Amino acid sequence: MQEQIEKTWLKQVAEGNEPAFRALFDAYKDRFFAVARKMTGSVYIAEEMVQETFIVLWNKRALLKKVEQPDSYLFTIFYRCLYKHFKSEALLRKTRNELLPLVPANTDEAED
């Protein structure tokens, strides 16, 4: 029953229906937030991941009419957002670790 309702919402979102988008958001936001918070340890990042997921959903709404499994589709978007976040964090750490040895030890001292 719930899957059929979510399919209907997806079709409505594909047509630009904002109340249907809000219904999907309300149905999934808490689950996405809980998973993201557990995986990242951050409320801020978890909120960002939920927002990013629904931004992607809205931007790709034209594809939603063909979705047969709403739950799987939405979680795929969500996990791709998380993956992108962790990939970005890993690249940032790698870059920081490579550049840190190049920073002079006395960077806070003014030159005469």
Protein backbone atom coordinates (compact mmCIF):
# COMPACT_ATOMS: atom_id res chain seq x y z
CA MET A 1 0.00 0.00 0.00
CA GLN A 2 2.71 2.51 1.02
CA GLU A 3 4.74 1.69 -2.10
CA GLN A 4 1.74 2.53 -4.30
CA ILE A 5 1.28 5.85 -2.50
CA GLU A 6 4.97 6.65 -2.97
CA LYS A 7 4.76 5.75 -6.68
CA THR A 8 1.89 8.20 -6.98
CA TRP A 9 3.91 10.87 -5.19
CA LEU A 10 6.88 10.27 -7.50
CA LYS A 11 4.68 10.66 -10.57
CA GLN A 12 3.26 13.87 -9.13
CA VAL A 13 6.75 15.18 -8.32
CA ALA A 14 7.74 14.40 -11.92
CA GLU A 15 5.00 16.84 -12.93
CA GLY A 16 6.35 19.49 -10.54
CA ASN A 17 3.87 18.93 -7.71
CA GLU A 18 5.46 20.52 -4.62
CA PRO A 19 3.01 19.07 -2.03
CA ALA A 20 3.87 15.55 -3.29
CA PHE A 21 7.56 16.43 -2.98
CA ARG A 22 6.93 17.57 0.59
CA ALA A 23 5.09 14.32 1.33
CA LEU A 24 8.10 12.31 0.12
CA PHE A 25 10.44 14.50 2.12
CA ASP A 26 8.37 13.99 5.26
CA ALA A 27 8.20 10.24 4.67
CA TYR A 28 11.97 9.80 4.30
CA LYS A 29 13.79 12.64 6.06
CA ASP A 30 13.98 11.01 9.49
CA ARG A 31 15.31 7.70 8.17
CA PHE A 32 17.88 9.41 5.99
CA PHE A 33 18.93 11.69 8.82
CA ALA A 34 19.36 8.79 11.27
CA VAL A 35 21.53 6.82 8.86
CA ALA A 36 23.63 9.84 7.88
CA ARG A 37 24.14 10.87 11.50
CA LYS A 38 25.24 7.38 12.45
CA MET A 39 27.63 7.16 9.50
CA THR A 40 29.11 10.64 9.81
CA GLY A 41 28.77 11.35 13.52
CA SER A 42 27.60 14.86 12.68
CA VAL A 43 24.16 16.44 12.89
CA TYR A 44 25.25 19.17 10.48
CA ILE A 45 26.53 16.76 7.84
CA ALA A 46 23.47 14.54 8.27
CA GLU A 47 21.21 17.52 7.59
CA GLU A 48 23.30 18.38 4.54
CA MET A 49 22.99 14.82 3.22
CA VAL A 50 19.20 14.88 3.58
CA GLN A 51 19.03 18.22 1.77
CA GLU A 52 21.37 17.04 -0.98
CA THR A 53 19.31 13.90 -1.51
CA PHE A 54 16.13 15.86 -2.06
CA ILE A 55 17.84 18.45 -4.25
CA VAL A 56 19.01 15.62 -6.50
CA LEU A 57 15.52 14.12 -6.47
CA TRP A 58 13.93 17.42 -7.49
CA ASN A 59 16.54 18.08 -10.19
CA LYS A 60 15.98 14.62 -11.69
CA ARG A 61 12.21 14.66 -11.28
CA ALA A 62 11.60 14.09 -15.00
CA LEU A 63 12.89 10.52 -14.54
CA LEU A 64 10.54 9.68 -11.68
CA LYS A 65 7.57 8.48 -13.74
CA LYS A 66 9.43 5.27 -14.58
CA VAL A 67 10.44 4.37 -11.00
CA GLU A 68 8.97 1.05 -9.90
CA GLN A 69 10.53 0.80 -6.43
CA PRO A 70 10.41 4.20 -4.73
CA ASP A 71 12.17 3.08 -1.55
CA SER A 72 15.11 1.59 -3.44
CA TYR A 73 15.33 4.57 -5.77
CA LEU A 74 15.36 7.13 -2.96
CA PHE A 75 17.88 5.20 -0.87
CA THR A 76 20.13 4.87 -3.92
CA ILE A 77 20.15 8.64 -4.32
CA PHE A 78 20.79 9.04 -0.60
CA TYR A 79 23.69 6.56 -0.51
CA ARG A 80 25.25 8.17 -3.58
CA CYS A 81 25.17 11.51 -1.76
CA LEU A 82 26.85 9.90 1.25
CA TYR A 83 29.45 8.25 -0.98
CA LYS A 84 30.18 11.59 -2.65
CA HIS A 85 30.61 13.19 0.79
CA PHE A 86 33.04 10.52 2.03
CA LYS A 87 34.99 10.59 -1.23
CA SER A 88 35.33 14.36 -0.94
CA GLU A 89 36.41 14.09 2.70
CA ALA A 90 39.04 11.48 1.82
CA LEU A 91 40.43 13.69 -0.95
CA LEU A 92 40.54 16.65 1.41
CA ARG A 93 42.42 14.62 4.06
CA LYS A 94 44.86 13.31 1.46
CA THR A 95 45.53 16.80 0.12
CA ARG A 96 45.94 18.20 3.63
CA ASN A 97 48.38 15.43 4.56
CA GLU A 98 50.41 16.03 1.41
CA LEU A 99 50.53 19.81 1.85
CA LEU A 100 51.06 19.98 5.60
CA PRO A 101 54.77 19.03 5.43
CA LEU A 102 55.31 21.86 2.93
CA VAL A 103 54.07 24.58 5.32
CA PRO A 104 56.95 26.33 7.10
CA ALA A 105 57.03 25.81 10.86
CA ASN A 106 57.13 29.55 11.68
CA THR A 107 54.21 30.76 9.60
CA ASP A 108 52.86 33.00 12.37
CA GLU A 109 56.02 35.09 12.70
CA ALA A 110 56.22 38.29 10.68
CA GLU A 111 59.31 38.88 8.57
CA ASP A 112 61.40 41.98 9.23
